[in-house]
């Protein structure tokens, strides 16, 4: 009796679907606090960002002024 290659797959018992799961994360170390230097650097960055945002938000724009940019789509190049 001759079996077709696909017949073996059909004759096999149905298998369960394979599920992908994220690998378990390693346990965190006991030291989760940041050093003083890192905390100082983060505080400086937050202060500088707040100052920059304040400057941008307070910048006066005259009413009816031109927009900062105008979107003009570019036609695609034709392939030769």
N, C-alpha and C. Protein backbone atom coordinates (compact mmCIF):
# COMPACT_ATOMS: atom_id res chain seq x y z
N UNK A 1 0.84 -1.17 0.00
CA UNK A 1 0.00 0.00 0.00
C UNK A 1 0.88 1.24 0.00
N UNK A 2 0.54 2.17 -0.82
CA UNK A 2 1.36 3.37 -0.94
C UNK A 2 0.67 4.53 -0.22
N UNK A 3 1.42 5.22 0.66
CA UNK A 3 0.87 6.36 1.39
C UNK A 3 1.36 7.66 0.75
N UNK A 4 0.50 8.58 0.68
CA UNK A 4 0.88 9.89 0.18
C UNK A 4 1.59 10.66 1.29
N UNK A 5 2.48 11.58 0.94
CA UNK A 5 3.20 12.33 1.98
C UNK A 5 2.27 13.10 2.91
N UNK A 6 1.20 13.64 2.40
CA UNK A 6 0.27 14.41 3.23
C UNK A 6 -0.60 13.53 4.10
N UNK A 7 -0.73 12.25 3.74
CA UNK A 7 -1.58 11.35 4.51
C UNK A 7 -1.03 11.12 5.90
N UNK A 8 0.28 11.13 6.03
CA UNK A 8 0.88 10.93 7.35
C UNK A 8 0.53 12.08 8.27
N UNK A 9 0.45 13.26 7.73
CA UNK A 9 0.09 14.41 8.54
C UNK A 9 -1.36 14.33 8.98
N UNK A 10 -2.22 13.85 8.10
CA UNK A 10 -3.63 13.74 8.44
C UNK A 10 -3.88 12.63 9.44
N UNK A 11 -3.09 11.58 9.38
CA UNK A 11 -3.28 10.45 10.26
C UNK A 11 -2.76 10.73 11.67
N UNK A 12 -1.85 11.67 11.80
CA UNK A 12 -1.28 11.98 13.11
C UNK A 12 -2.34 12.62 14.00
N UNK A 13 -2.20 12.41 15.28
CA UNK A 13 -3.14 13.00 16.24
C UNK A 13 -2.99 14.52 16.21
N UNK A 14 -4.09 15.24 16.38
CA UNK A 14 -3.98 16.71 16.37
C UNK A 14 -3.12 17.19 17.54
N UNK A 15 -2.23 18.07 17.25
CA UNK A 15 -1.34 18.57 18.30
C UNK A 15 -1.86 19.90 18.83
N UNK A 16 -1.43 20.25 20.01
CA UNK A 16 -1.83 21.53 20.59
C UNK A 16 -1.02 22.65 19.95
N UNK A 17 -1.65 23.78 19.85
CA UNK A 17 -0.97 24.93 19.25
C UNK A 17 0.16 25.39 20.16
N UNK A 18 1.22 25.78 19.55
CA UNK A 18 2.37 26.28 20.30
C UNK A 18 2.10 27.73 20.68
N UNK A 19 2.28 28.04 21.93
CA UNK A 19 2.09 29.42 22.37
C UNK A 19 3.43 30.01 22.73
N UNK A 20 3.61 31.25 22.33
CA UNK A 20 4.85 31.95 22.65
C UNK A 20 4.63 32.79 23.89
N UNK A 21 5.49 32.64 24.84
CA UNK A 21 5.39 33.40 26.07
C UNK A 21 6.71 34.13 26.29
N UNK A 22 6.60 35.25 26.94
CA UNK A 22 7.81 36.01 27.26
C UNK A 22 8.62 35.23 28.29
N UNK A 23 9.91 35.28 28.12
CA UNK A 23 10.78 34.61 29.08
C UNK A 23 10.64 35.27 30.44
N UNK A 24 10.71 34.49 31.50
CA UNK A 24 10.60 35.11 32.83
C UNK A 24 11.76 36.05 33.08
N UNK A 25 11.44 37.18 33.68
CA UNK A 25 12.48 38.16 33.96
C UNK A 25 13.28 37.74 35.19
N UNK A 26 14.56 38.02 35.17
CA UNK A 26 15.35 37.69 36.36
C UNK A 26 14.92 38.56 37.54
N UNK A 27 15.08 38.03 38.72
CA UNK A 27 14.70 38.77 39.92
C UNK A 27 15.56 40.02 40.06
N UNK A 28 14.94 41.10 40.52
CA UNK A 28 15.68 42.34 40.69
C UNK A 28 16.63 42.22 41.88
N UNK A 29 17.71 42.92 41.77
CA UNK A 29 18.67 42.90 42.86
C UNK A 29 18.13 43.71 44.03
N UNK A 30 18.76 43.58 45.15
CA UNK A 30 18.31 44.28 46.35
C UNK A 30 18.46 45.79 46.19
N UNK A 31 19.44 46.22 45.38
CA UNK A 31 19.69 47.65 45.21
C UNK A 31 18.86 48.18 44.04
N UNK A 32 17.78 48.85 44.34
CA UNK A 32 16.95 49.43 43.29
C UNK A 32 16.96 50.95 43.36
N UNK A 33 17.68 51.51 44.31
CA UNK A 33 17.74 52.96 44.43
C UNK A 33 18.82 53.51 43.51
N UNK A 34 18.63 54.75 43.09
CA UNK A 34 19.61 55.40 42.22
C UNK A 34 20.64 56.13 43.07
N UNK A 35 21.79 56.32 42.48
CA UNK A 35 22.83 57.05 43.19
C UNK A 35 22.48 58.54 43.23
N UNK A 36 23.14 59.26 44.09
CA UNK A 36 22.88 60.71 44.22
C UNK A 36 23.22 61.45 42.93
N UNK A 37 24.27 61.03 42.27
CA UNK A 37 24.68 61.70 41.02
C UNK A 37 23.60 61.53 39.95
N UNK A 38 23.03 60.34 39.86
CA UNK A 38 21.99 60.10 38.86
C UNK A 38 20.74 60.89 39.20
N UNK A 39 20.36 60.91 40.47
CA UNK A 39 19.19 61.69 40.89
C UNK A 39 19.39 63.17 40.60
N UNK A 40 20.61 63.67 40.83
CA UNK A 40 20.91 65.08 40.56
C UNK A 40 20.81 65.36 39.06
N UNK A 41 21.34 64.47 38.24
CA UNK A 41 21.28 64.64 36.79
C UNK A 41 19.85 64.64 36.28
N UNK A 42 19.02 63.75 36.81
CA UNK A 42 17.61 63.70 36.39
C UNK A 42 16.90 64.97 36.80
N UNK A 43 17.16 65.46 38.01
CA UNK A 43 16.53 66.70 38.48
C UNK A 43 16.93 67.88 37.60
N UNK A 44 18.21 67.95 37.21
CA UNK A 44 18.69 69.03 36.34
C UNK A 44 18.00 68.96 34.97
N UNK A 45 17.87 67.76 34.43
CA UNK A 45 17.22 67.61 33.12
C UNK A 45 15.76 68.02 33.18
N UNK A 46 15.07 67.65 34.26
CA UNK A 46 13.66 68.03 34.41
C UNK A 46 13.53 69.54 34.51
N UNK A 47 14.44 70.18 35.27
CA UNK A 47 14.38 71.63 35.42
C UNK A 47 14.66 72.33 34.09
N UNK A 48 15.65 71.85 33.36
CA UNK A 48 15.98 72.45 32.05
C UNK A 48 14.83 72.28 31.06
N UNK A 49 14.21 71.12 31.05
CA UNK A 49 13.08 70.88 30.15
C UNK A 49 11.91 71.79 30.50
N UNK A 50 11.63 71.94 31.78
CA UNK A 50 10.53 72.83 32.19
C UNK A 50 10.81 74.27 31.77
N UNK A 51 12.05 74.70 31.89
CA UNK A 51 12.43 76.06 31.49
C UNK A 51 12.26 76.24 29.97
N UNK A 52 12.69 75.26 29.19
CA UNK A 52 12.57 75.34 27.74
C UNK A 52 11.10 75.36 27.30
N UNK A 53 10.28 74.51 27.92
CA UNK A 53 8.86 74.49 27.56
C UNK A 53 8.18 75.80 27.93
N UNK A 54 8.56 76.38 29.05
CA UNK A 54 7.99 77.66 29.46
C UNK A 54 8.34 78.74 28.44
N UNK A 55 9.59 78.74 27.98
CA UNK A 55 10.03 79.72 26.99
C UNK A 55 9.23 79.57 25.69
N UNK A 56 9.05 78.34 25.24
CA UNK A 56 8.31 78.11 24.00
C UNK A 56 6.84 78.50 24.13
N UNK A 57 6.25 78.18 25.26
CA UNK A 57 4.83 78.48 25.44
C UNK A 57 4.56 79.97 25.59
N UNK A 58 5.52 80.71 26.12
CA UNK A 58 5.33 82.14 26.33
C UNK A 58 5.73 82.98 25.12
N UNK A 59 6.23 82.35 24.06
CA UNK A 59 6.66 83.09 22.89
C UNK A 59 5.45 83.69 22.20
N UNK A 60 5.45 85.02 22.00
CA UNK A 60 4.27 85.65 21.40
C UNK A 60 4.24 85.44 19.88
N UNK A 61 3.08 85.06 19.39
CA UNK A 61 2.87 84.93 17.95
C UNK A 61 1.81 85.94 17.53
N UNK A 62 2.13 86.78 16.55
CA UNK A 62 1.12 87.73 16.09
C UNK A 62 -0.03 86.99 15.40
N UNK A 63 -1.22 87.50 15.58
CA UNK A 63 -2.37 86.84 14.95
C UNK A 63 -2.28 86.99 13.43
N UNK A 64 -2.64 85.95 12.73
CA UNK A 64 -2.60 85.97 11.27
C UNK A 64 -1.21 85.74 10.70
N UNK A 65 -0.26 85.31 11.51
CA UNK A 65 1.09 85.08 10.99
C UNK A 65 1.12 83.81 10.16
N UNK A 66 2.13 83.71 9.30
CA UNK A 66 2.29 82.53 8.45
C UNK A 66 2.60 81.31 9.31
N UNK A 67 2.17 80.13 8.86
CA UNK A 67 2.49 78.92 9.61
C UNK A 67 3.99 78.64 9.55
N UNK A 68 4.45 77.87 10.50
CA UNK A 68 5.88 77.55 10.55
C UNK A 68 6.32 76.72 9.36
N UNK A 69 5.44 75.91 8.82
CA UNK A 69 5.78 75.10 7.66
C UNK A 69 4.52 74.86 6.86
N UNK A 70 4.71 74.49 5.62
CA UNK A 70 3.59 74.13 4.75
C UNK A 70 3.93 72.78 4.14
N UNK A 71 3.02 71.84 4.27
CA UNK A 71 3.24 70.50 3.73
C UNK A 71 2.92 70.49 2.25
N UNK A 72 3.89 70.12 1.46
CA UNK A 72 3.69 69.96 0.02
C UNK A 72 4.16 68.56 -0.35
N UNK A 73 3.26 67.68 -0.73
CA UNK A 73 3.68 66.33 -1.07
C UNK A 73 4.56 66.32 -2.32
N UNK A 74 5.53 65.44 -2.32
CA UNK A 74 6.45 65.31 -3.44
C UNK A 74 6.00 64.12 -4.27
N UNK A 75 5.92 64.33 -5.58
CA UNK A 75 5.52 63.24 -6.47
C UNK A 75 6.63 62.19 -6.50
N UNK A 76 6.26 60.91 -6.53
CA UNK A 76 7.29 59.86 -6.56
C UNK A 76 8.03 59.87 -7.88
N UNK A 77 9.28 59.48 -7.83
CA UNK A 77 10.07 59.39 -9.06
C UNK A 77 9.61 58.19 -9.87
N UNK A 78 9.65 58.36 -11.17
CA UNK A 78 9.25 57.25 -12.03
C UNK A 78 10.46 56.36 -12.28
N UNK A 79 10.22 55.07 -12.21
CA UNK A 79 11.29 54.11 -12.47
C UNK A 79 11.43 53.93 -13.97
N UNK A 80 12.64 53.87 -14.45
CA UNK A 80 12.88 53.68 -15.89
C UNK A 80 13.18 52.25 -16.18
